[in-house]
Amino acid sequence: MDIAKRFPENPILRPSDLRPGIGGMEIVCLLNPGVFRLGGRTGLLLRVAERPRQEEGRISFPIYNDRDEIEVLSFDKDDSRLDASDPRVIKYNGQNYLTTLSYLRPVFSDDGVHFYEDADYRPIYGKGPLESFGIEDCRVATMDDGYFLTFTEVSPVAVGVGLIATRDFKTLERKGMIFPPHNKDCALFESTVGGKYYAFHRPSSPELGGNYIWLAESPDRLHWGNHRCIAVTREGRWDSARVGAGAAPVRTEKGWLEIYHGADGNNRYCLGALLLDLENPAKVLARSDEPIMEPTAPYEKTGFFGNVVFTNGQYVEGDTIHMYYGASDEVICGATLSIREVLATLNV
């Protein structure tokens, strides 16, 4: 049951709408943004993925070297040591690389649909050895003491969760890696529960366990403990291969409502919902049997990596969730969801 009301203007942002932010590169993909409100405007922190223009017979991609400078690696496609079967990740001589370099880029809108860049707000690039393959998939938690950005740090040795605190998106306070490898899909609750901060995260265990949603608590948003698994994949279902949190959960009368993504064995990404107890967020009250949104529109079915709807950004007005999402790992789209309608699908 797809209950999302897509913007008629979708896609609202395409790679061709922006100029590359890195010299000598091209924008290949715009991916699922973090969302915030600032000065009456809607802000998106886009994940922008760039790479060099490709030459016939070769594959080239950028990384940050140990001097925090961008360096381009290039390999012959006929090289027997190269595995380029996945458009997102390649392996060369036993080492994995990303085919693009991602960073976070702010854009703003006065109407929530038409977005533009503001020269007063600069992109956020990877920094240091743990971000040498870039930074990805930012979620923005809006709290009384500022905005808190959780994002994926990618490097040859790690995929972990980083944290940046800011009050104005101009001065950034980098807090380092707060969830160690292998971890991603971290979304902070926007208010405390019983005096504690809470966060979803997704450690991955290919040998024992899987790509599941976990919950952690913290006294300060830096040190996390009391980790508990709250949602696992479900064999034979739309979320059989992996699950991960979307944006910060929404507080409702019925419980904490979390829009999450799930993928099946064919890498088809859909969205569903979890409902958690208000006083004990580790207690799951309900979960979507079927997706509340799935890739059905042409721009969701075909693209850089097709059959994908993926969100990690939204803001709420009354009963309406204003959700921004990435479609087919290439374009940015918008949709609205009614909180009442989502809760009705959960039979609560």
C-alpha atoms as a PDB file:
ATOM      1  CA  MET A   1       0.000   0.000   0.000  1.00  0.00           C
ATOM      2  CA  ASP A   2       1.812   3.105  -1.232  1.00  0.00           C
ATOM      3  CA  ILE A   3       0.331   6.072   0.674  1.00  0.00           C
ATOM      4  CA  ALA A   4       3.000   8.669  -0.145  1.00  0.00           C
ATOM      5  CA  LYS A   5       1.805  11.756  -2.021  1.00  0.00           C
ATOM      6  CA  ARG A   6       4.645  12.579  -4.395  1.00  0.00           C
ATOM      7  CA  PHE A   7       5.378  16.147  -5.435  1.00  0.00           C
ATOM      8  CA  PRO A   8       4.025  16.693  -8.966  1.00  0.00           C
ATOM      9  CA  GLU A   9       7.303  18.528  -9.727  1.00  0.00           C
ATOM     10  CA  ASN A  10       9.425  15.388  -9.064  1.00  0.00           C
ATOM     11  CA  PRO A  11      12.311  15.068  -9.537  1.00  0.00           C
ATOM     12  CA  ILE A  12      12.932  18.422  -7.869  1.00  0.00           C
ATOM     13  CA  LEU A  13      16.733  18.240  -8.266  1.00  0.00           C
ATOM     14  CA  ARG A  14      18.847  16.479 -10.883  1.00  0.00           C
ATOM     15  CA  PRO A  15      22.654  16.267 -11.232  1.00  0.00           C
ATOM     16  CA  SER A  16      22.466  18.736 -14.136  1.00  0.00           C
ATOM     17  CA  ASP A  17      20.914  21.369 -11.854  1.00  0.00           C
ATOM     18  CA  LEU A  18      24.206  21.913 -10.000  1.00  0.00           C
ATOM     19  CA  ARG A  19      27.750  22.624 -11.066  1.00  0.00           C
ATOM     20  CA  PRO A  20      30.442  20.231  -9.784  1.00  0.00           C
ATOM     21  CA  GLY A  21      31.982  21.319  -6.512  1.00  0.00           C
ATOM     22  CA  ILE A  22      35.324  19.610  -7.162  1.00  0.00           C
ATOM     23  CA  GLY A  23      37.535  20.815  -9.994  1.00  0.00           C
ATOM     24  CA  GLY A  24      37.729  18.490 -12.989  1.00  0.00           C
ATOM     25  CA  MET A  25      34.799  16.339 -11.833  1.00  0.00           C
ATOM     26  CA  GLU A  26      31.237  15.698 -12.961  1.00  0.00           C
ATOM     27  CA  ILE A  27      28.197  15.156 -10.753  1.00  0.00           C
ATOM     28  CA  VAL A  28      26.942  11.609 -11.233  1.00  0.00           C
ATOM     29  CA  CYS A  29      24.318  11.405  -8.499  1.00  0.00           C
ATOM     30  CA  LEU A  30      22.348  13.466  -6.025  1.00  0.00           C
ATOM     31  CA  LEU A  31      21.327  11.292  -3.126  1.00  0.00           C
ATOM     32  CA  ASN A  32      19.038  11.346  -0.101  1.00  0.00           C
ATOM     33  CA  PRO A  33      19.490  14.622   1.806  1.00  0.00           C
ATOM     34  CA  GLY A  34      19.342  15.605   5.427  1.00  0.00           C
ATOM     35  CA  VAL A  35      16.593  18.172   6.046  1.00  0.00           C
ATOM     36  CA  PHE A  36      16.365  21.196   8.329  1.00  0.00           C
ATOM     37  CA  ARG A  37      14.502  24.459   8.730  1.00  0.00           C
ATOM     38  CA  LEU A  38      16.486  27.693   9.084  1.00  0.00           C
ATOM     39  CA  GLY A  39      15.301  31.301   8.920  1.00  0.00           C
ATOM     40  CA  GLY A  40      11.932  30.329   7.467  1.00  0.00           C
ATOM     41  CA  ARG A  41      13.526  28.309   4.664  1.00  0.00           C
ATOM     42  CA  THR A  42      13.741  24.586   4.034  1.00  0.00           C
ATOM     43  CA  GLY A  43      17.333  23.401   3.812  1.00  0.00           C
ATOM     44  CA  LEU A  44      18.629  20.199   2.296  1.00  0.00           C
ATOM     45  CA  LEU A  45      22.088  18.770   2.875  1.00  0.00           C
ATOM     46  CA  LEU A  46      22.448  16.871  -0.367  1.00  0.00           C
ATOM     47  CA  ARG A  47      24.806  13.977  -0.743  1.00  0.00           C
ATOM     48  CA  VAL A  48      26.581  14.910  -3.984  1.00  0.00           C
ATOM     49  CA  ALA A  49      28.596  12.146  -5.659  1.00  0.00           C
ATOM     50  CA  GLU A  50      31.249  13.221  -8.165  1.00  0.00           C
ATOM     51  CA  ARG A  51      33.870  11.519 -10.315  1.00  0.00           C
ATOM     52  CA  PRO A  52      36.155  12.393 -13.256  1.00  0.00           C
ATOM     53  CA  ARG A  53      34.693  12.194 -16.731  1.00  0.00           C
ATOM     54  CA  GLN A  54      35.288   8.615 -17.835  1.00  0.00           C
ATOM     55  CA  GLU A  55      37.614   7.674 -20.669  1.00  0.00           C
ATOM     56  CA  GLU A  56      36.922   4.801 -23.035  1.00  0.00           C
ATOM     57  CA  GLY A  57      38.282   1.530 -21.651  1.00  0.00           C
ATOM     58  CA  ARG A  58      39.231   2.919 -18.241  1.00  0.00           C
ATOM     59  CA  ILE A  59      37.535   3.525 -14.895  1.00  0.00           C
ATOM     60  CA  SER A  60      38.622   6.534 -12.838  1.00  0.00           C
ATOM     61  CA  PHE A  61      37.539   7.762  -9.424  1.00  0.00           C
ATOM     62  CA  PRO A  62      38.682  10.297  -6.798  1.00  0.00           C
ATOM     63  CA  ILE A  63      39.883   9.773  -3.226  1.00  0.00           C
ATOM     64  CA  TYR A  64      41.392  12.025  -0.568  1.00  0.00           C
ATOM     65  CA  ASN A  65      45.065  11.251  -0.025  1.00  0.00           C
ATOM     66  CA  ASP A  66      46.951  11.554   3.264  1.00  0.00           C
ATOM     67  CA  ARG A  67      47.418  15.287   2.643  1.00  0.00           C
ATOM     68  CA  ASP A  68      43.630  15.823   2.389  1.00  0.00           C
ATOM     69  CA  GLU A  69      44.059  16.485  -1.317  1.00  0.00           C
ATOM     70  CA  ILE A  70      41.912  14.874  -3.996  1.00  0.00           C
ATOM     71  CA  GLU A  71      43.779  12.287  -6.015  1.00  0.00           C
ATOM     72  CA  VAL A  72      42.378  10.432  -9.035  1.00  0.00           C
ATOM     73  CA  LEU A  73      42.992   6.706  -9.428  1.00  0.00           C
ATOM     74  CA  SER A  74      42.540   5.146 -12.860  1.00  0.00           C
ATOM     75  CA  PHE A  75      42.509   1.495 -13.943  1.00  0.00           C
ATOM     76  CA  ASP A  76      42.189  -0.344 -17.241  1.00  0.00           C
ATOM     77  CA  LYS A  77      38.788  -2.052 -17.455  1.00  0.00           C
ATOM     78  CA  ASP A  78      40.466  -5.124 -18.961  1.00  0.00           C
ATOM     79  CA  ASP A  79      42.770  -5.555 -15.979  1.00  0.00           C
ATOM     80  CA  SER A  80      42.104  -9.008 -14.519  1.00  0.00           C
ATOM     81  CA  ARG A  81      42.596  -7.617 -11.012  1.00  0.00           C
ATOM     82  CA  LEU A  82      39.584  -5.285 -11.444  1.00  0.00           C
ATOM     83  CA  ASP A  83      35.997  -6.190 -10.488  1.00  0.00           C
ATOM     84  CA  ALA A  84      33.676  -3.385 -11.675  1.00  0.00           C
ATOM     85  CA  SER A  85      30.404  -5.331 -11.682  1.00  0.00           C
ATOM     86  CA  ASP A  86      28.782  -2.949  -9.145  1.00  0.00           C
ATOM     87  CA  PRO A  87      28.340   0.678 -10.322  1.00  0.00           C
ATOM     88  CA  ARG A  88      28.832   1.889  -6.730  1.00  0.00           C
ATOM     89  CA  VAL A  89      31.819  -0.107  -5.463  1.00  0.00           C
ATOM     90  CA  ILE A  90      34.736  -1.655  -7.325  1.00  0.00           C
ATOM     91  CA  LYS A  91      37.480  -3.972  -6.169  1.00  0.00           C
ATOM     92  CA  TYR A  92      41.028  -3.765  -7.470  1.00  0.00           C
ATOM     93  CA  ASN A  93      43.715  -6.198  -6.392  1.00  0.00           C
ATOM     94  CA  GLY A  94      41.758  -7.092  -3.259  1.00  0.00           C
ATOM     95  CA  GLN A  95      41.038  -3.468  -2.206  1.00  0.00           C
ATOM     96  CA  ASN A  96      37.558  -1.929  -2.344  1.00  0.00           C
ATOM     97  CA  TYR A  97      37.008   1.584  -3.690  1.00  0.00           C
ATOM     98  CA  LEU A  98      33.968   3.759  -4.255  1.00  0.00           C
ATOM     99  CA  THR A  99      33.348   4.794  -7.864  1.00  0.00           C
ATOM    100  CA  THR A 100      32.417   8.310  -6.724  1.00  0.00           C
ATOM    101  CA  LEU A 101      33.456  10.722  -3.977  1.00  0.00           C
ATOM    102  CA  SER A 102      30.567  12.101  -1.910  1.00  0.00           C
ATOM    103  CA  TYR A 103      30.284  15.275   0.123  1.00  0.00           C
ATOM    104  CA  LEU A 104      27.419  17.283   1.650  1.00  0.00           C
ATOM    105  CA  ARG A 105      26.081  20.362  -0.110  1.00  0.00           C
ATOM    106  CA  PRO A 106      23.428  22.743   1.273  1.00  0.00           C
ATOM    107  CA  VAL A 107      20.590  24.082  -0.847  1.00  0.00           C
ATOM    108  CA  PHE A 108      17.592  26.151   0.253  1.00  0.00           C
ATOM    109  CA  SER A 109      13.981  26.724  -0.722  1.00  0.00           C
ATOM    110  CA  ASP A 110      11.329  29.297   0.106  1.00  0.00           C
ATOM    111  CA  ASP A 111       8.467  27.033  -0.968  1.00  0.00           C
ATOM    112  CA  GLY A 112       9.835  23.556  -0.218  1.00  0.00           C
ATOM    113  CA  VAL A 113       9.927  22.626  -3.901  1.00  0.00           C
ATOM    114  CA  HIS A 114      12.275  24.947  -5.799  1.00  0.00           C
ATOM    115  CA  PHE A 115      15.814  24.875  -4.381  1.00  0.00           C
ATOM    116  CA  TYR A 116      18.817  27.120  -4.894  1.00  0.00           C
ATOM    117  CA  GLU A 117      22.313  27.539  -3.496  1.00  0.00           C
ATOM    118  CA  ASP A 118      23.244  30.307  -1.058  1.00  0.00           C
ATOM    119  CA  ALA A 119      26.849  31.488  -1.265  1.00  0.00           C
ATOM    120  CA  ASP A 120      26.907  32.086   2.509  1.00  0.00           C
ATOM    121  CA  TYR A 121      26.714  28.330   3.114  1.00  0.00           C
ATOM    122  CA  ARG A 122      29.611  26.182   2.003  1.00  0.00           C
ATOM    123  CA  PRO A 123      29.732  22.456   1.197  1.00  0.00           C
ATOM    124  CA  ILE A 124      31.009  20.034   3.819  1.00  0.00           C
ATOM    125  CA  TYR A 125      33.806  17.844   2.498  1.00  0.00           C
ATOM    126  CA  GLY A 126      35.482  14.805   3.989  1.00  0.00           C
ATOM    127  CA  LYS A 127      38.426  15.527   6.250  1.00  0.00           C
ATOM    128  CA  GLY A 128      41.101  13.241   7.628  1.00  0.00           C
ATOM    129  CA  PRO A 129      41.963   9.579   7.031  1.00  0.00           C
ATOM    130  CA  LEU A 130      38.607   8.193   8.211  1.00  0.00           C
ATOM    131  CA  GLU A 131      36.798  10.245   5.536  1.00  0.00           C
ATOM    132  CA  SER A 132      39.234   9.677   2.670  1.00  0.00           C
ATOM    133  CA  PHE A 133      36.519   8.023   0.540  1.00  0.00           C
ATOM    134  CA  GLY A 134      34.059  10.806   1.388  1.00  0.00           C
ATOM    135  CA  ILE A 135      31.065  11.417   3.641  1.00  0.00           C
ATOM    136  CA  GLU A 136      27.519  10.255   2.924  1.00  0.00           C
ATOM    137  CA  ASP A 137      23.861  10.111   3.924  1.00  0.00           C
ATOM    138  CA  CYS A 138      23.532  12.946   6.422  1.00  0.00           C
ATOM    139  CA  ARG A 139      20.687  13.073   8.900  1.00  0.00           C
ATOM    140  CA  VAL A 140      19.966  16.349  10.702  1.00  0.00           C
ATOM    141  CA  ALA A 141      18.494  16.335  14.220  1.00  0.00           C
ATOM    142  CA  THR A 142      17.081  19.720  15.257  1.00  0.00           C
ATOM    143  CA  MET A 143      17.360  20.223  19.021  1.00  0.00           C
ATOM    144  CA  ASP A 144      17.033  23.075  21.496  1.00  0.00           C
ATOM    145  CA  ASP A 145      20.806  23.623  21.525  1.00  0.00           C
ATOM    146  CA  GLY A 146      21.440  23.426  17.784  1.00  0.00           C
ATOM    147  CA  TYR A 147      21.573  21.078  14.833  1.00  0.00           C
ATOM    148  CA  PHE A 148      23.345  17.724  15.049  1.00  0.00           C
ATOM    149  CA  LEU A 149      24.485  16.054  11.843  1.00  0.00           C
ATOM    150  CA  THR A 150      25.115  12.318  11.774  1.00  0.00           C
ATOM    151  CA  PHE A 151      26.642  10.916   8.602  1.00  0.00           C
ATOM    152  CA  THR A 152      28.641   8.012   7.230  1.00  0.00           C
ATOM    153  CA  GLU A 153      32.418   8.329   7.190  1.00  0.00           C
ATOM    154  CA  VAL A 154      34.015   6.133   4.527  1.00  0.00           C
ATOM    155  CA  SER A 155      37.660   5.124   4.181  1.00  0.00           C
ATOM    156  CA  PRO A 156      39.704   2.049   3.193  1.00  0.00           C
ATOM    157  CA  VAL A 157      39.684   0.862   6.814  1.00  0.00           C
ATOM    158  CA  ALA A 158      36.244   1.821   8.049  1.00  0.00           C
ATOM    159  CA  VAL A 159      32.610   2.697   7.488  1.00  0.00           C
ATOM    160  CA  GLY A 160      31.468   4.456  10.649  1.00  0.00           C
ATOM    161  CA  VAL A 161      29.258   7.268  11.919  1.00  0.00           C
ATOM    162  CA  GLY A 162      30.509  10.821  12.342  1.00  0.00           C
ATOM    163  CA  LEU A 163      28.929  13.741  14.187  1.00  0.00           C
ATOM    164  CA  ILE A 164      28.994  17.480  13.500  1.00  0.00           C
ATOM    165  CA  ALA A 165      27.295  20.079  15.723  1.00  0.00           C
ATOM    166  CA  THR A 166      26.291  23.509  14.442  1.00  0.00           C
ATOM    167  CA  ARG A 167      23.949  26.365  15.245  1.00  0.00           C
ATOM    168  CA  ASP A 168      23.991  28.085  11.876  1.00  0.00           C
ATOM    169  CA  PHE A 169      25.492  25.677   9.273  1.00  0.00           C
ATOM    170  CA  LYS A 170      28.390  28.112   8.913  1.00  0.00           C
ATOM    171  CA  THR A 171      30.508  27.221  11.949  1.00  0.00           C
ATOM    172  CA  LEU A 172      30.893  23.456  12.245  1.00  0.00           C
ATOM    173  CA  GLU A 173      32.158  21.549  15.290  1.00  0.00           C
ATOM    174  CA  ARG A 174      33.402  18.122  14.251  1.00  0.00           C
ATOM    175  CA  LYS A 175      32.984  15.567  17.026  1.00  0.00           C
ATOM    176  CA  GLY A 176      34.675  12.630  15.271  1.00  0.00           C
ATOM    177  CA  MET A 177      33.403   9.069  14.883  1.00  0.00           C
ATOM    178  CA  ILE A 178      30.721   8.258  17.442  1.00  0.00           C
ATOM    179  CA  PHE A 179      29.774   4.747  16.237  1.00  0.00           C
ATOM    180  CA  PRO A 180      32.712   2.570  15.166  1.00  0.00           C
ATOM    181  CA  PRO A 181      32.876   0.335  12.077  1.00  0.00           C
ATOM    182  CA  HIS A 182      30.994  -1.198  10.489  1.00  0.00           C
ATOM    183  CA  ASN A 183      28.100   1.189  11.103  1.00  0.00           C
ATOM    184  CA  LYS A 184      25.803   3.634   9.316  1.00  0.00           C
ATOM    185  CA  ASP A 185      22.163   4.812   9.124  1.00  0.00           C
ATOM    186  CA  CYS A 186      22.408   6.737  12.398  1.00  0.00           C
ATOM    187  CA  ALA A 187      19.441   8.951  13.317  1.00  0.00           C
ATOM    188  CA  LEU A 188      19.295  10.886  16.589  1.00  0.00           C
ATOM    189  CA  PHE A 189      16.039  11.423  18.440  1.00  0.00           C
ATOM    190  CA  GLU A 190      15.338  15.166  18.569  1.00  0.00           C
ATOM    191  CA  SER A 191      14.470  15.157  22.277  1.00  0.00           C
ATOM    192  CA  THR A 192      15.602  13.195  25.292  1.00  0.00           C
ATOM    193  CA  VAL A 193      13.650  10.332  26.829  1.00  0.00           C
ATOM    194  CA  GLY A 194      13.972  10.021  30.589  1.00  0.00           C
ATOM    195  CA  GLY A 195      16.924  12.419  30.516  1.00  0.00           C
ATOM    196  CA  LYS A 196      18.860  10.329  27.964  1.00  0.00           C
ATOM    197  CA  TYR A 197      19.658  10.852  24.306  1.00  0.00           C
ATOM    198  CA  TYR A 198      18.705   8.046  21.941  1.00  0.00           C
ATOM    199  CA  ALA A 199      19.859   7.089  18.469  1.00  0.00           C
ATOM    200  CA  PHE A 200      19.179   4.454  15.863  1.00  0.00           C
ATOM    201  CA  HIS A 201      22.208   2.909  14.199  1.00  0.00           C
ATOM    202  CA  ARG A 202      22.988  -0.064  12.005  1.00  0.00           C
ATOM    203  CA  PRO A 203      25.999  -2.228  12.737  1.00  0.00           C
ATOM    204  CA  SER A 204      26.518  -4.904  10.093  1.00  0.00           C
ATOM    205  CA  SER A 205      27.528  -8.489  10.699  1.00  0.00           C
ATOM    206  CA  PRO A 206      27.853 -10.635   7.571  1.00  0.00           C
ATOM    207  CA  GLU A 207      28.819 -13.793   9.481  1.00  0.00           C
ATOM    208  CA  LEU A 208      26.384 -13.779  12.417  1.00  0.00           C
ATOM    209  CA  GLY A 209      23.374 -11.495  12.478  1.00  0.00           C
ATOM    210  CA  GLY A 210      22.795  -9.043   9.658  1.00  0.00           C
ATOM    211  CA  ASN A 211      21.943  -5.485   8.632  1.00  0.00           C
ATOM    212  CA  TYR A 212      19.535  -4.654  11.449  1.00  0.00           C
ATOM    213  CA  ILE A 213      18.275  -1.522  13.232  1.00  0.00           C
ATOM    214  CA  TRP A 214      19.726  -1.021  16.696  1.00  0.00           C
ATOM    215  CA  LEU A 215      18.993   1.508  19.436  1.00  0.00           C
ATOM    216  CA  ALA A 216      21.562   3.118  21.734  1.00  0.00           C
ATOM    217  CA  GLU A 217      21.445   5.667  24.531  1.00  0.00           C
ATOM    218  CA  SER A 218      23.839   8.377  25.656  1.00  0.00           C
ATOM    219  CA  PRO A 219      24.291  11.036  28.341  1.00  0.00           C
ATOM    220  CA  ASP A 220      25.941  13.507  25.935  1.00  0.00           C
ATOM    221  CA  ARG A 221      25.459  12.412  22.278  1.00  0.00           C
ATOM    222  CA  LEU A 222      29.128  11.379  22.165  1.00  0.00           C
ATOM    223  CA  HIS A 223      29.367   8.247  24.311  1.00  0.00           C
ATOM    224  CA  TRP A 224      26.857   5.544  23.449  1.00  0.00           C
ATOM    225  CA  GLY A 225      25.890   2.351  25.230  1.00  0.00           C
ATOM    226  CA  ASN A 226      23.092  -0.037  26.219  1.00  0.00           C
ATOM    227  CA  HIS A 227      22.803  -1.140  22.575  1.00  0.00           C
ATOM    228  CA  ARG A 228      19.720  -3.163  21.679  1.00  0.00           C
ATOM    229  CA  CYS A 229      18.534  -4.633  18.408  1.00  0.00           C
ATOM    230  CA  ILE A 230      14.962  -3.514  17.674  1.00  0.00           C
ATOM    231  CA  ALA A 231      14.280  -4.597  14.072  1.00  0.00           C
ATOM    232  CA  VAL A 232      15.713  -7.420  11.969  1.00  0.00           C
ATOM    233  CA  THR A 233      15.237  -8.391   8.337  1.00  0.00           C
ATOM    234  CA  ARG A 234      12.301 -10.651   7.480  1.00  0.00           C
ATOM    235  CA  GLU A 235      12.846 -13.572   5.125  1.00  0.00           C
ATOM    236  CA  GLY A 236      10.710 -13.547   2.008  1.00  0.00           C
ATOM    237  CA  ARG A 237       9.475 -10.011   2.652  1.00  0.00           C
ATOM    238  CA  TRP A 238      10.155  -6.593   1.121  1.00  0.00           C
ATOM    239  CA  ASP A 239      12.765  -5.948   3.826  1.00  0.00           C
ATOM    240  CA  SER A 240      14.506  -9.340   3.691  1.00  0.00           C
ATOM    241  CA  ALA A 241      18.091  -8.206   2.958  1.00  0.00           C
ATOM    242  CA  ARG A 242      18.674  -5.062   5.027  1.00  0.00           C
ATOM    243  CA  VAL A 243      16.859  -2.475   7.097  1.00  0.00           C
ATOM    244  CA  GLY A 244      17.969   0.946   8.307  1.00  0.00           C
ATOM    245  CA  ALA A 245      16.583   4.042   9.996  1.00  0.00           C
ATOM    246  CA  GLY A 246      15.452   7.095   8.078  1.00  0.00           C
ATOM    247  CA  ALA A 247      15.293  10.515   9.744  1.00  0.00           C
ATOM    248  CA  ALA A 248      14.671  11.303  13.413  1.00  0.00           C
ATOM    249  CA  PRO A 249      11.508   9.598  14.682  1.00  0.00           C
ATOM    250  CA  VAL A 250       8.332  11.633  15.095  1.00  0.00           C
ATOM    251  CA  ARG A 251       6.706  11.826  18.515  1.00  0.00           C
ATOM    252  CA  THR A 252       2.999  10.956  18.262  1.00  0.00           C
ATOM    253  CA  GLU A 253       0.323  10.172  20.835  1.00  0.00           C
ATOM    254  CA  LYS A 254       0.672   6.501  19.919  1.00  0.00           C
ATOM    255  CA  GLY A 255       4.468   6.351  20.168  1.00  0.00           C
ATOM    256  CA  TRP A 256       7.664   7.231  18.343  1.00  0.00           C
ATOM    257  CA  LEU A 257       7.001   6.857  14.615  1.00  0.00           C
ATOM    258  CA  GLU A 258      10.046   5.974  12.518  1.00  0.00           C
ATOM    259  CA  ILE A 259      10.052   5.800   8.728  1.00  0.00           C
ATOM    260  CA  TYR A 260      12.689   3.223   7.790  1.00  0.00           C
ATOM    261  CA  HIS A 261      14.046   1.696   4.595  1.00  0.00           C
ATOM    262  CA  GLY A 262      14.162  -1.953   3.716  1.00  0.00           C
ATOM    263  CA  ALA A 263      15.647  -3.812   0.767  1.00  0.00           C
ATOM    264  CA  ASP A 264      15.111  -7.279  -0.601  1.00  0.00           C
ATOM    265  CA  GLY A 265      17.548  -9.663  -2.250  1.00  0.00           C
ATOM    266  CA  ASN A 266      17.194  -7.813  -5.560  1.00  0.00           C
ATOM    267  CA  ASN A 267      18.257  -4.521  -3.938  1.00  0.00           C
ATOM    268  CA  ARG A 268      14.782  -3.048  -4.309  1.00  0.00           C
ATOM    269  CA  TYR A 269      14.449  -0.352  -1.635  1.00  0.00           C
ATOM    270  CA  CYS A 270      11.082   0.541  -0.101  1.00  0.00           C
ATOM    271  CA  LEU A 271       9.926   2.465   2.973  1.00  0.00           C
ATOM    272  CA  GLY A 272       8.002   1.201   5.970  1.00  0.00           C
ATOM    273  CA  ALA A 273       7.231   2.301   9.517  1.00  0.00           C
ATOM    274  CA  LEU A 274       8.074   1.301  13.063  1.00  0.00           C
ATOM    275  CA  LEU A 275       6.176   2.447  16.153  1.00  0.00           C
ATOM    276  CA  LEU A 276       8.087   2.527  19.440  1.00  0.00           C
ATOM    277  CA  ASP A 277       6.950   3.045  23.022  1.00  0.00           C
ATOM    278  CA  LEU A 278       7.220   6.681  24.152  1.00  0.00           C
ATOM    279  CA  GLU A 279       8.819   5.857  27.503  1.00  0.00           C
ATOM    280  CA  ASN A 280      10.860   2.848  26.364  1.00  0.00           C
ATOM    281  CA  PRO A 281      11.921   3.283  22.713  1.00  0.00           C
ATOM    282  CA  ALA A 282      13.468  -0.187  22.689  1.00  0.00           C
ATOM    283  CA  LYS A 283       9.931  -1.613  22.818  1.00  0.00           C
ATOM    284  CA  VAL A 284       8.484  -2.049  19.317  1.00  0.00           C
ATOM    285  CA  LEU A 285       4.701  -1.668  19.315  1.00  0.00           C
ATOM    286  CA  ALA A 286       4.053  -2.163  15.596  1.00  0.00           C
ATOM    287  CA  ARG A 287       5.774  -2.577  12.248  1.00  0.00           C
ATOM    288  CA  SER A 288       4.688  -2.311   8.619  1.00  0.00           C
ATOM    289  CA  ASP A 289       3.622  -5.580   7.035  1.00  0.00           C
ATOM    290  CA  GLU A 290       3.785  -3.980   3.587  1.00  0.00           C
ATOM    291  CA  PRO A 291       5.688  -0.902   2.352  1.00  0.00           C
ATOM    292  CA  ILE A 292       4.089   2.510   2.771  1.00  0.00           C
ATOM    293  CA  MET A 293       6.134   3.681  -0.232  1.00  0.00           C
ATOM    294  CA  GLU A 294       7.845   1.722  -2.979  1.00  0.00           C
ATOM    295  CA  PRO A 295       9.582   2.539  -6.270  1.00  0.00           C
ATOM    296  CA  THR A 296       6.763   2.903  -8.787  1.00  0.00           C
ATOM    297  CA  ALA A 297       7.410   6.184 -10.614  1.00  0.00           C
ATOM    298  CA  PRO A 298       9.725   6.057 -13.662  1.00  0.00           C
ATOM    299  CA  TYR A 299      12.361   8.204 -11.920  1.00  0.00           C
ATOM    300  CA  GLU A 300      12.343   5.737  -9.001  1.00  0.00           C
ATOM    301  CA  LYS A 301      12.618   2.631 -11.154  1.00  0.00           C
ATOM    302  CA  THR A 302      15.489   3.631 -13.444  1.00  0.00           C
ATOM    303  CA  GLY A 303      18.654   5.620 -12.803  1.00  0.00           C
ATOM    304  CA  PHE A 304      22.200   5.168 -11.557  1.00  0.00           C
ATOM    305  CA  PHE A 305      20.952   2.323  -9.326  1.00  0.00           C
ATOM    306  CA  GLY A 306      17.277   1.685 -10.038  1.00  0.00           C
ATOM    307  CA  ASN A 307      14.309   0.543  -7.969  1.00  0.00           C
ATOM    308  CA  VAL A 308      15.241   2.705  -4.997  1.00  0.00           C
ATOM    309  CA  VAL A 309      13.355   5.095  -2.729  1.00  0.00           C
ATOM    310  CA  PHE A 310      15.524   6.077   0.221  1.00  0.00           C
ATOM    311  CA  THR A 311      14.966   8.814   2.785  1.00  0.00           C
ATOM    312  CA  ASN A 312      16.875  10.208   5.724  1.00  0.00           C
ATOM    313  CA  GLY A 313      15.358  13.696   5.856  1.00  0.00           C
ATOM    314  CA  GLN A 314      12.019  15.263   6.751  1.00  0.00           C
ATOM    315  CA  TYR A 315      10.276  17.936   8.775  1.00  0.00           C
ATOM    316  CA  VAL A 316       6.835  17.800  10.369  1.00  0.00           C
ATOM    317  CA  GLU A 317       3.924  20.262  10.325  1.00  0.00           C
ATOM    318  CA  GLY A 318       0.869  19.074  12.226  1.00  0.00           C
ATOM    319  CA  ASP A 319      -0.219  15.763  10.730  1.00  0.00           C
ATOM    320  CA  THR A 320       2.059  16.110   7.695  1.00  0.00           C
ATOM    321  CA  ILE A 321       5.538  14.678   7.251  1.00  0.00           C
ATOM    322  CA  HIS A 322       7.332  16.622   4.526  1.00  0.00           C
ATOM    323  CA  MET A 323       9.748  13.981   3.301  1.00  0.00           C
ATOM    324  CA  TYR A 324      12.644  14.396   0.881  1.00  0.00           C
ATOM    325  CA  TYR A 325      14.156  11.303  -0.645  1.00  0.00           C
ATOM    326  CA  GLY A 326      16.604   9.969  -3.163  1.00  0.00           C
ATOM    327  CA  ALA A 327      15.226   8.076  -6.148  1.00  0.00           C
ATOM    328  CA  SER A 328      17.224   5.478  -8.091  1.00  0.00           C
ATOM    329  CA  ASP A 329      20.419   6.787  -6.448  1.00  0.00           C
ATOM    330  CA  GLU A 330      20.386   9.713  -8.883  1.00  0.00           C
ATOM    331  CA  VAL A 331      17.732  12.397  -8.308  1.00  0.00           C
ATOM    332  CA  ILE A 332      16.077  14.174  -5.363  1.00  0.00           C
ATOM    333  CA  CYS A 333      12.323  14.031  -4.892  1.00  0.00           C
ATOM    334  CA  GLY A 334       9.711  15.078  -2.365  1.00  0.00           C
ATOM    335  CA  ALA A 335       6.559  13.554  -0.930  1.00  0.00           C
ATOM    336  CA  THR A 336       4.197  14.015   1.981  1.00  0.00           C
ATOM    337  CA  LEU A 337       2.821  11.441   4.375  1.00  0.00           C
ATOM    338  CA  SER A 338      -0.083  11.771   6.777  1.00  0.00           C
ATOM    339  CA  ILE A 339       0.883  10.626  10.257  1.00  0.00           C
ATOM    340  CA  ARG A 340      -2.683   9.423  10.829  1.00  0.00           C
ATOM    341  CA  GLU A 341      -2.604   7.385   7.624  1.00  0.00           C
ATOM    342  CA  VAL A 342       0.743   5.818   8.494  1.00  0.00           C
ATOM    343  CA  LEU A 343      -0.507   4.889  11.958  1.00  0.00           C
ATOM    344  CA  ALA A 344      -3.652   3.415  10.398  1.00  0.00           C
ATOM    345  CA  THR A 345      -1.528   1.043   8.310  1.00  0.00           C
ATOM    346  CA  LEU A 346      -0.024  -0.165  11.572  1.00  0.00           C
ATOM    347  CA  ASN A 347      -3.501  -0.835  12.985  1.00  0.00           C
ATOM    348  CA  VAL A 348      -3.006   1.424  16.003  1.00  0.00           C
END
